[in-house]
Amino acid sequence: MGQLLSVVLQYTYFSQRCINTFHYRCLDVTLPVTGTAYALADAMGAIPVSGVYTITKLMWAIAKAVSTSVSFDQIICKNLYNPNDFFETAFSTALNGQVTGEPLSPAVALGYKTTRVRSDIKRGTRRFVGVSEGSSSNGGALLGSYASGVVADLATAMSATITGNTPLAEAEQFVPVIVSKQQYIPDPDHPEKVAYKYYDTEAEQMMHVAEGFTWFAYDQTRTQISRQYGRGQ
């Protein structure tokens, strides 16, 4: 079955705090009780080697697709059902986006969605701020070379099974997943207001997980109200 982990990536763009969340399932079920979260951060390429980020990893694929005005702040990885297995670190070696040109508003973003592999679980969606003016044309259509280059490369990187090492240098593989959360009513006096949370046990949550999908990019820029100036995320 494997272990289920979450990743929160925090970054800043024109003073707006931006967050992207990822979920992975660790394929190795014989791992020690800690170290899996560290291995996932390593697999994503968030830990530099001798001060250099690995250019074949997911973090570099993200950086290549967004503006130089994007500054990556920290990454938080945790095993959802093991409180002793977590890892968080700031990007001590500065990591910024790599696309030059006049950057657009934080409300303008690259948009991605997944194929759908289960009828009871919605597609995954993701937005990345940091679109430069020269990367799109009339109506927000992404330029061909940009869309078929680093934007498509990022979709491929997000779809891939990734490999990292624990502090003991044990290799581990992680497959991307979409997590469907449990709906609940936080306040019985207001049953019309619902919220969502992870299921109580990993076994139960794993029955509400999709995998084997593929990420692909929209051909046009997207908008995200939560990242407008003054909204923060």
Protein backbone atom coordinates (compact mmCIF):
# COMPACT_ATOMS: atom_id res chain seq x y z
CA MET A 1 0.00 0.00 0.00
CA GLY A 2 2.79 2.46 0.81
CA GLN A 3 2.80 5.64 2.85
CA LEU A 4 0.91 8.82 2.00
CA LEU A 5 2.73 12.15 2.17
CA SER A 6 1.88 15.80 1.54
CA VAL A 7 4.10 18.62 0.33
CA VAL A 8 3.47 22.34 0.80
CA LEU A 9 5.60 24.62 -1.37
CA GLN A 10 5.68 28.27 -0.30
CA TYR A 11 6.98 31.08 -2.45
CA THR A 12 6.69 34.85 -2.86
CA TYR A 13 5.76 36.92 -5.91
CA PHE A 14 5.45 40.70 -5.62
CA SER A 15 4.99 40.41 -1.83
CA GLN A 16 2.15 37.89 -2.28
CA ARG A 17 2.58 34.62 -0.43
CA CYS A 18 1.77 31.72 -2.76
CA ILE A 19 1.24 28.07 -1.90
CA ASN A 20 1.07 24.88 -3.94
CA THR A 21 0.23 21.49 -2.43
CA PHE A 22 1.33 18.09 -3.73
CA HIS A 23 0.58 14.54 -2.58
CA TYR A 24 2.69 11.43 -3.13
CA ARG A 25 2.53 7.79 -2.18
CA CYS A 26 5.80 6.15 -1.17
CA LEU A 27 6.13 2.81 -2.92
CA ASP A 28 8.42 1.24 -0.31
CA VAL A 29 6.54 -0.24 2.67
CA THR A 30 9.66 -1.46 4.52
CA LEU A 31 11.08 1.97 5.36
CA PRO A 32 12.16 3.16 8.81
CA VAL A 33 9.61 5.17 10.80
CA THR A 34 11.31 8.46 9.88
CA GLY A 35 13.22 9.77 6.90
CA THR A 36 10.53 9.30 4.25
CA ALA A 37 9.59 13.00 4.28
CA TYR A 38 13.23 14.00 3.86
CA ALA A 39 13.56 11.58 0.95
CA LEU A 40 10.54 13.18 -0.73
CA ALA A 41 12.06 16.66 -0.43
CA ASP A 42 15.23 15.24 -1.95
CA ALA A 43 13.27 13.54 -4.73
CA MET A 44 11.59 16.84 -5.61
CA GLY A 45 14.97 18.56 -5.85
CA ALA A 46 14.43 20.92 -2.92
CA ILE A 47 17.77 20.04 -1.30
CA PRO A 48 20.79 21.47 -3.15
CA VAL A 49 23.94 19.41 -3.64
CA SER A 50 27.02 21.51 -2.88
CA GLY A 51 24.85 24.60 -3.23
CA VAL A 52 23.42 23.60 -6.62
CA TYR A 53 19.87 22.41 -7.35
CA THR A 54 19.56 19.33 -9.54
CA ILE A 55 18.27 20.42 -12.94
CA THR A 56 16.49 17.12 -13.64
CA LYS A 57 14.22 17.40 -10.58
CA LEU A 58 10.70 18.81 -10.17
CA MET A 59 11.72 21.98 -8.34
CA TRP A 60 13.94 23.04 -11.20
CA ALA A 61 11.14 22.30 -13.68
CA ILE A 62 8.91 24.68 -11.70
CA ALA A 63 11.63 27.33 -11.56
CA LYS A 64 12.24 27.09 -15.33
CA ALA A 65 8.57 27.81 -16.07
CA VAL A 66 8.07 30.94 -13.94
CA SER A 67 9.38 34.49 -13.73
CA THR A 68 12.65 35.53 -12.13
CA SER A 69 10.46 37.59 -9.76
CA VAL A 70 9.29 34.36 -8.09
CA SER A 71 11.31 33.61 -4.95
CA PHE A 72 10.93 30.15 -3.41
CA ASP A 73 10.82 30.31 0.39
CA GLN A 74 10.38 26.89 1.96
CA ILE A 75 9.07 23.38 1.50
CA ILE A 76 7.23 21.28 4.09
CA CYS A 77 6.96 17.50 3.62
CA LYS A 78 5.15 15.25 6.04
CA ASN A 79 3.87 11.74 6.37
CA LEU A 80 0.14 12.24 6.90
CA TYR A 81 -0.18 9.36 9.35
CA ASN A 82 3.16 9.43 11.16
CA PRO A 83 3.76 12.59 13.24
CA ASN A 84 7.43 11.67 13.67
CA ASP A 85 8.09 11.65 9.93
CA PHE A 86 8.28 15.22 8.64
CA PHE A 87 10.82 17.56 7.09
CA GLU A 88 10.73 21.28 6.44
CA THR A 89 13.47 23.53 5.17
CA ALA A 90 13.97 26.98 3.78
CA PHE A 91 15.68 27.29 0.42
CA SER A 92 18.96 28.27 2.03
CA THR A 93 20.56 28.49 -1.39
CA ALA A 94 18.47 31.12 -3.17
CA LEU A 95 16.10 29.67 -5.77
CA ASN A 96 14.19 31.94 -8.13
CA GLY A 97 12.26 31.48 -11.34
CA GLN A 98 14.22 31.49 -14.57
CA VAL A 99 11.94 33.23 -17.11
CA THR A 100 12.97 36.79 -17.93
CA GLY A 101 10.73 39.60 -19.17
CA GLU A 102 8.16 41.92 -17.63
CA PRO A 103 6.24 39.89 -15.02
CA LEU A 104 2.45 40.03 -14.95
CA SER A 105 0.10 40.38 -11.96
CA PRO A 106 0.01 37.60 -9.31
CA ALA A 107 -3.57 36.91 -10.40
CA VAL A 108 -2.28 35.62 -13.77
CA ALA A 109 -1.02 32.06 -13.67
CA LEU A 110 -0.05 28.96 -15.58
CA GLY A 111 -2.85 26.43 -15.27
CA TYR A 112 -2.62 22.64 -15.15
CA LYS A 113 -5.10 19.82 -14.74
CA THR A 114 -4.92 16.04 -14.75
CA THR A 115 -6.62 13.33 -16.69
CA ARG A 116 -9.40 11.68 -14.71
CA VAL A 117 -8.87 8.07 -13.65
CA ARG A 118 -11.74 7.59 -11.15
CA SER A 119 -15.33 8.74 -11.54
CA ASP A 120 -15.65 9.43 -7.80
CA ILE A 121 -12.53 11.68 -7.60
CA LYS A 122 -12.25 15.01 -9.38
CA ARG A 123 -9.36 15.99 -11.61
CA GLY A 124 -6.34 17.53 -9.96
CA THR A 125 -5.74 21.21 -10.71
CA ARG A 126 -2.77 23.46 -10.05
CA ARG A 127 -1.79 27.10 -10.69
CA PHE A 128 1.67 28.68 -10.76
CA VAL A 129 2.11 32.45 -10.68
CA GLY A 130 4.98 34.19 -12.44
CA VAL A 131 3.91 34.54 -16.06
CA SER A 132 6.00 37.04 -18.01
CA GLU A 133 4.44 39.39 -20.55
CA GLY A 134 6.51 37.99 -23.38
CA SER A 135 5.30 34.44 -22.69
CA SER A 136 1.74 35.01 -23.94
CA SER A 137 -0.02 36.73 -26.82
CA ASN A 138 -3.55 37.96 -27.61
CA GLY A 139 -6.16 36.66 -25.21
CA GLY A 140 -3.56 35.15 -22.91
CA ALA A 141 -2.60 32.32 -25.27
CA LEU A 142 0.79 30.91 -24.31
CA LEU A 143 3.43 31.30 -26.99
CA GLY A 144 4.21 28.09 -28.83
CA SER A 145 7.86 27.77 -27.86
CA TYR A 146 7.06 28.50 -24.21
CA ALA A 147 4.04 26.20 -24.11
CA SER A 148 5.78 23.29 -25.82
CA GLY A 149 9.00 23.86 -23.88
CA VAL A 150 9.23 24.56 -20.15
CA VAL A 151 5.45 24.58 -19.58
CA ALA A 152 5.10 21.09 -21.07
CA ASP A 153 8.25 19.97 -19.27
CA LEU A 154 6.66 20.92 -15.94
CA ALA A 155 3.58 18.83 -16.74
CA THR A 156 5.83 15.86 -17.45
CA ALA A 157 7.77 16.38 -14.20
CA MET A 158 4.58 16.56 -12.12
CA SER A 159 3.30 13.33 -13.71
CA ALA A 160 6.46 11.35 -13.05
CA THR A 161 7.34 8.90 -10.29
CA ILE A 162 10.31 10.45 -8.50
CA THR A 163 13.21 8.99 -6.52
CA GLY A 164 15.00 10.37 -3.48
CA ASN A 165 17.23 9.26 -0.62
CA THR A 166 16.75 9.14 3.13
CA PRO A 167 19.51 10.53 5.41
CA LEU A 168 20.77 6.93 5.38
CA ALA A 169 20.99 7.08 1.56
CA GLU A 170 18.21 4.54 1.11
CA ALA A 171 16.56 5.08 -2.28
CA GLU A 172 12.79 5.55 -2.24
CA GLN A 173 10.25 6.07 -5.01
CA PHE A 174 7.21 8.33 -4.83
CA VAL A 175 4.22 8.27 -7.17
CA PRO A 176 2.01 11.38 -7.49
CA VAL A 177 -1.56 10.97 -6.25
CA ILE A 178 -4.78 12.98 -5.94
CA VAL A 179 -6.28 12.84 -2.46
CA SER A 180 -10.05 13.07 -1.99
CA LYS A 181 -10.83 14.32 1.52
CA GLN A 182 -13.72 13.55 3.84
CA GLN A 183 -16.52 16.09 4.08
CA TYR A 184 -17.69 17.01 7.59
CA ILE A 185 -19.68 19.66 9.47
CA PRO A 186 -17.36 21.57 11.85
CA ASP A 187 -20.20 23.34 13.69
CA PRO A 188 -23.41 21.34 14.34
CA ASP A 189 -25.28 24.62 14.83
CA HIS A 190 -24.53 25.50 11.19
CA PRO A 191 -25.02 22.29 9.19
CA GLU A 192 -25.06 24.25 5.96
CA LYS A 193 -21.32 24.95 6.33
CA VAL A 194 -19.08 22.03 5.45
CA ALA A 195 -15.32 21.51 5.51
CA TYR A 196 -12.90 18.82 4.37
CA LYS A 197 -10.25 16.79 6.18
CA TYR A 198 -8.10 13.72 5.68
CA TYR A 199 -9.71 10.43 6.73
CA ASP A 200 -8.90 9.19 10.23
CA THR A 201 -6.76 6.25 9.16
CA GLU A 202 -4.34 5.76 6.29
CA ALA A 203 -6.10 2.57 5.20
CA GLU A 204 -9.37 4.46 4.86
CA GLN A 205 -7.73 7.41 3.10
CA MET A 206 -6.01 5.14 0.60
CA MET A 207 -9.45 4.04 -0.60
CA HIS A 208 -9.99 7.67 -1.66
CA VAL A 209 -6.79 8.24 -3.64
CA ALA A 210 -6.30 8.37 -7.40
CA GLU A 211 -3.06 7.65 -9.21
CA GLY A 212 -1.89 6.79 -12.72
CA PHE A 213 -3.01 10.15 -14.14
CA THR A 214 -1.17 12.62 -16.36
CA TRP A 215 -0.81 16.37 -15.87
CA PHE A 216 -1.22 18.69 -18.86
CA ALA A 217 -1.19 22.47 -19.25
CA TYR A 218 -3.91 24.82 -20.44
CA ASP A 219 -3.09 26.64 -23.67
CA GLN A 220 -4.02 29.99 -22.12
CA THR A 221 -3.11 31.77 -18.90
CA ARG A 222 -5.49 31.31 -15.98
CA THR A 223 -6.55 33.59 -13.12
CA GLN A 224 -6.64 32.94 -9.41
CA ILE A 225 -8.59 35.32 -7.19
CA SER A 226 -6.86 34.14 -4.02
CA ARG A 227 -3.57 35.52 -5.34
CA GLN A 228 -4.79 39.00 -6.16
CA TYR A 229 -2.98 41.82 -4.40
CA GLY A 230 -3.94 41.91 -0.74
CA ARG A 231 -5.25 38.34 -0.60
CA GLY A 232 -1.91 36.74 0.28
CA GLN A 233 -2.21 33.19 -1.09
